[in-house]
N, C-alpha and C. Protein backbone atom coordinates (compact mmCIF):
# COMPACT_ATOMS: atom_id res chain seq x y z
N MET A 1 -92.74 -5.78 20.98
CA MET A 1 -91.89 -6.92 21.22
C MET A 1 -92.36 -7.62 22.49
N THR A 2 -92.57 -8.91 22.45
CA THR A 2 -93.02 -9.65 23.62
C THR A 2 -91.95 -10.63 24.05
N GLY A 3 -92.05 -11.05 25.32
CA GLY A 3 -91.08 -12.02 25.84
C GLY A 3 -89.81 -11.33 26.26
N THR A 4 -88.89 -12.13 26.78
CA THR A 4 -87.60 -11.59 27.19
C THR A 4 -86.50 -12.34 26.47
N SER A 5 -85.46 -11.67 26.23
CA SER A 5 -84.31 -12.27 25.57
C SER A 5 -83.59 -13.19 26.54
N THR A 6 -83.11 -14.30 26.03
CA THR A 6 -82.34 -15.20 26.90
C THR A 6 -81.01 -14.58 27.29
N ALA A 7 -80.55 -13.62 26.53
CA ALA A 7 -79.28 -12.98 26.85
C ALA A 7 -79.39 -12.13 28.10
N SER A 8 -80.59 -11.63 28.42
CA SER A 8 -80.74 -10.77 29.58
C SER A 8 -80.95 -11.56 30.87
N ARG A 9 -81.25 -12.84 30.77
CA ARG A 9 -81.47 -13.67 31.96
C ARG A 9 -80.14 -14.20 32.49
N PRO A 10 -79.97 -14.16 33.81
CA PRO A 10 -78.74 -14.75 34.35
C PRO A 10 -78.77 -16.27 34.16
N ARG A 11 -77.64 -16.83 33.86
CA ARG A 11 -77.54 -18.28 33.71
C ARG A 11 -77.56 -18.94 35.07
N ARG A 12 -78.29 -20.01 35.18
CA ARG A 12 -78.32 -20.77 36.42
C ARG A 12 -77.23 -21.81 36.38
N ARG A 13 -76.48 -21.87 37.44
CA ARG A 13 -75.44 -22.89 37.54
C ARG A 13 -76.07 -24.19 37.97
N ARG A 14 -75.61 -25.23 37.39
CA ARG A 14 -76.05 -26.56 37.79
C ARG A 14 -75.38 -26.89 39.11
N PRO A 15 -76.14 -27.29 40.12
CA PRO A 15 -75.50 -27.58 41.41
C PRO A 15 -74.52 -28.74 41.28
N ALA A 16 -73.37 -28.58 41.89
CA ALA A 16 -72.37 -29.65 41.87
C ALA A 16 -72.89 -30.82 42.68
N ARG A 17 -72.66 -32.01 42.18
CA ARG A 17 -73.12 -33.16 42.95
C ARG A 17 -72.22 -33.36 44.16
N GLU A 18 -72.82 -33.86 45.20
CA GLU A 18 -72.06 -34.15 46.41
C GLU A 18 -71.53 -35.57 46.32
N VAL A 19 -70.31 -35.75 46.80
CA VAL A 19 -69.68 -37.07 46.80
C VAL A 19 -69.10 -37.36 48.18
N VAL A 20 -68.82 -38.62 48.40
CA VAL A 20 -68.19 -39.08 49.63
C VAL A 20 -66.82 -39.62 49.27
N LEU A 21 -65.81 -39.26 50.04
CA LEU A 21 -64.45 -39.72 49.82
C LEU A 21 -64.08 -40.72 50.91
N GLY A 22 -63.51 -41.82 50.50
CA GLY A 22 -62.99 -42.80 51.44
C GLY A 22 -61.55 -43.10 51.11
N VAL A 23 -60.70 -43.24 52.13
CA VAL A 23 -59.28 -43.47 51.89
C VAL A 23 -58.79 -44.62 52.75
N ASP A 24 -58.16 -45.60 52.10
CA ASP A 24 -57.50 -46.72 52.77
C ASP A 24 -56.02 -46.37 52.81
N THR A 25 -55.46 -46.21 53.99
CA THR A 25 -54.08 -45.71 54.11
C THR A 25 -53.08 -46.85 54.31
N HIS A 26 -51.91 -46.65 53.73
CA HIS A 26 -50.78 -47.57 53.85
C HIS A 26 -49.51 -46.74 54.02
N ARG A 27 -48.41 -47.37 54.33
CA ARG A 27 -47.17 -46.64 54.59
C ARG A 27 -46.72 -45.79 53.41
N ASP A 28 -46.69 -46.35 52.21
CA ASP A 28 -46.14 -45.65 51.05
C ASP A 28 -47.17 -45.04 50.11
N ALA A 29 -48.39 -45.54 50.16
CA ALA A 29 -49.44 -45.05 49.25
C ALA A 29 -50.80 -45.17 49.91
N HIS A 30 -51.70 -44.31 49.48
CA HIS A 30 -53.08 -44.35 49.96
C HIS A 30 -53.98 -44.60 48.76
N VAL A 31 -55.02 -45.41 48.95
CA VAL A 31 -55.98 -45.69 47.90
C VAL A 31 -57.28 -44.97 48.25
N ALA A 32 -57.73 -44.11 47.33
CA ALA A 32 -58.92 -43.32 47.56
C ALA A 32 -60.06 -43.81 46.67
N ALA A 33 -61.27 -43.68 47.18
CA ALA A 33 -62.47 -44.00 46.41
C ALA A 33 -63.45 -42.85 46.57
N VAL A 34 -64.07 -42.46 45.47
CA VAL A 34 -65.13 -41.46 45.49
C VAL A 34 -66.43 -42.17 45.19
N LEU A 35 -67.42 -41.92 46.04
CA LEU A 35 -68.73 -42.56 45.92
C LEU A 35 -69.81 -41.50 45.78
N SER A 36 -70.89 -41.85 45.09
CA SER A 36 -72.06 -40.99 45.07
C SER A 36 -72.75 -41.12 46.43
N LEU A 37 -73.72 -40.28 46.68
CA LEU A 37 -74.43 -40.33 47.96
C LEU A 37 -75.26 -41.60 48.12
N VAL A 38 -75.51 -42.32 47.03
CA VAL A 38 -76.24 -43.58 47.12
C VAL A 38 -75.31 -44.79 47.06
N GLY A 39 -73.99 -44.54 47.14
CA GLY A 39 -73.02 -45.63 47.23
C GLY A 39 -72.44 -46.12 45.93
N GLU A 40 -72.74 -45.48 44.81
CA GLU A 40 -72.16 -45.87 43.53
C GLU A 40 -70.69 -45.46 43.50
N VAL A 41 -69.82 -46.38 43.11
CA VAL A 41 -68.39 -46.06 43.01
C VAL A 41 -68.19 -45.22 41.74
N ILE A 42 -67.71 -44.01 41.94
CA ILE A 42 -67.44 -43.11 40.82
C ILE A 42 -66.02 -43.34 40.30
N GLY A 43 -65.09 -43.59 41.23
CA GLY A 43 -63.72 -43.84 40.82
C GLY A 43 -62.83 -44.21 41.98
N THR A 44 -61.72 -44.85 41.66
CA THR A 44 -60.69 -45.17 42.65
C THR A 44 -59.34 -44.79 42.08
N GLN A 45 -58.43 -44.45 42.96
CA GLN A 45 -57.09 -44.03 42.51
C GLN A 45 -56.10 -44.19 43.66
N GLU A 46 -54.87 -44.50 43.34
CA GLU A 46 -53.80 -44.60 44.33
C GLU A 46 -52.93 -43.35 44.27
N PHE A 47 -52.53 -42.86 45.46
CA PHE A 47 -51.71 -41.66 45.57
C PHE A 47 -50.56 -41.92 46.52
N PRO A 48 -49.40 -41.30 46.29
CA PRO A 48 -48.28 -41.44 47.22
C PRO A 48 -48.64 -40.85 48.59
N ALA A 49 -48.10 -41.44 49.63
CA ALA A 49 -48.31 -40.94 51.00
C ALA A 49 -47.30 -39.83 51.26
N SER A 50 -47.58 -38.67 50.66
CA SER A 50 -46.71 -37.50 50.79
C SER A 50 -47.59 -36.25 50.70
N ALA A 51 -47.04 -35.10 51.03
CA ALA A 51 -47.81 -33.86 50.97
C ALA A 51 -48.33 -33.61 49.56
N ALA A 52 -47.50 -33.84 48.55
CA ALA A 52 -47.95 -33.66 47.16
C ALA A 52 -49.03 -34.68 46.82
N GLY A 53 -48.89 -35.89 47.29
CA GLY A 53 -49.90 -36.91 47.05
C GLY A 53 -51.23 -36.55 47.68
N TYR A 54 -51.20 -35.97 48.88
CA TYR A 54 -52.44 -35.55 49.56
C TYR A 54 -53.14 -34.46 48.76
N ARG A 55 -52.37 -33.50 48.26
CA ARG A 55 -52.96 -32.43 47.44
C ARG A 55 -53.58 -33.00 46.17
N ASN A 56 -52.87 -33.92 45.52
CA ASN A 56 -53.39 -34.53 44.31
C ASN A 56 -54.65 -35.34 44.59
N LEU A 57 -54.66 -36.05 45.71
CA LEU A 57 -55.82 -36.84 46.10
C LEU A 57 -57.05 -35.95 46.26
N LEU A 58 -56.89 -34.84 46.96
CA LEU A 58 -58.01 -33.94 47.18
C LEU A 58 -58.48 -33.31 45.87
N GLY A 59 -57.55 -32.91 45.03
CA GLY A 59 -57.93 -32.34 43.72
C GLY A 59 -58.67 -33.35 42.87
N TRP A 60 -58.21 -34.59 42.88
CA TRP A 60 -58.87 -35.66 42.13
C TRP A 60 -60.29 -35.87 42.64
N ALA A 61 -60.46 -35.92 43.95
CA ALA A 61 -61.79 -36.13 44.53
C ALA A 61 -62.71 -34.97 44.20
N ARG A 62 -62.21 -33.75 44.29
CA ARG A 62 -63.03 -32.56 44.02
C ARG A 62 -63.46 -32.48 42.56
N ALA A 63 -62.70 -33.08 41.66
CA ALA A 63 -63.07 -33.09 40.24
C ALA A 63 -64.34 -33.91 40.01
N SER A 64 -64.68 -34.80 40.94
CA SER A 64 -65.87 -35.63 40.82
C SER A 64 -67.11 -34.97 41.42
N GLY A 65 -66.93 -33.96 42.25
CA GLY A 65 -68.06 -33.29 42.88
C GLY A 65 -67.62 -32.60 44.16
N THR A 66 -68.59 -32.11 44.89
CA THR A 66 -68.32 -31.43 46.15
C THR A 66 -68.15 -32.48 47.25
N VAL A 67 -66.98 -32.51 47.85
CA VAL A 67 -66.70 -33.48 48.91
C VAL A 67 -67.26 -32.92 50.22
N ARG A 68 -68.34 -33.52 50.69
CA ARG A 68 -68.98 -33.09 51.94
C ARG A 68 -68.60 -33.98 53.11
N ARG A 69 -68.26 -35.22 52.81
CA ARG A 69 -67.92 -36.18 53.86
C ARG A 69 -66.72 -36.99 53.40
N ALA A 70 -65.89 -37.37 54.39
CA ALA A 70 -64.73 -38.20 54.07
C ALA A 70 -64.47 -39.14 55.23
N GLY A 71 -64.03 -40.31 54.90
CA GLY A 71 -63.63 -41.28 55.90
C GLY A 71 -62.21 -41.73 55.60
N VAL A 72 -61.38 -41.71 56.63
CA VAL A 72 -59.98 -42.09 56.47
C VAL A 72 -59.68 -43.20 57.45
N GLU A 73 -59.20 -44.32 56.94
CA GLU A 73 -58.83 -45.48 57.76
C GLU A 73 -57.43 -45.24 58.31
N GLY A 74 -57.19 -45.60 59.55
CA GLY A 74 -55.86 -45.52 60.13
C GLY A 74 -55.41 -44.12 60.49
N THR A 75 -56.31 -43.30 61.04
CA THR A 75 -55.95 -41.92 61.35
C THR A 75 -54.94 -41.80 62.48
N GLY A 76 -54.72 -42.88 63.22
CA GLY A 76 -53.73 -42.84 64.30
C GLY A 76 -52.34 -43.32 63.85
N SER A 77 -52.26 -43.81 62.61
CA SER A 77 -50.96 -44.30 62.14
C SER A 77 -50.71 -43.77 60.72
N PHE A 78 -50.87 -44.61 59.70
CA PHE A 78 -50.53 -44.21 58.33
C PHE A 78 -51.38 -43.06 57.80
N GLY A 79 -52.58 -42.89 58.32
CA GLY A 79 -53.46 -41.82 57.84
C GLY A 79 -53.42 -40.55 58.66
N ALA A 80 -52.52 -40.50 59.64
CA ALA A 80 -52.47 -39.33 60.55
C ALA A 80 -52.15 -38.03 59.79
N ALA A 81 -51.16 -38.04 58.95
CA ALA A 81 -50.77 -36.83 58.23
C ALA A 81 -51.86 -36.40 57.25
N LEU A 82 -52.47 -37.35 56.57
CA LEU A 82 -53.56 -37.03 55.64
C LEU A 82 -54.72 -36.40 56.39
N SER A 83 -55.06 -36.92 57.55
CA SER A 83 -56.18 -36.41 58.33
C SER A 83 -55.94 -34.98 58.80
N ARG A 84 -54.69 -34.66 59.10
CA ARG A 84 -54.37 -33.29 59.52
C ARG A 84 -54.57 -32.35 58.38
């Protein structure tokens, strides 16, 4: 018997793509955008400015890839809680 069975080889995982997250903050809602590393808009979405909204925002962004960088507008006011 020659060769190796594909069943005996470990499967290689496809590396997750890296994305950039940007958030425009407002009093009641935040608008998030996920971009590829070359600036292509992958998606945009609005989330409530609340703890649950922040969790949903992060989960949504992570579904597009590995978030390595993020920019948040208004970290001293409307974006302060999100930044924390």
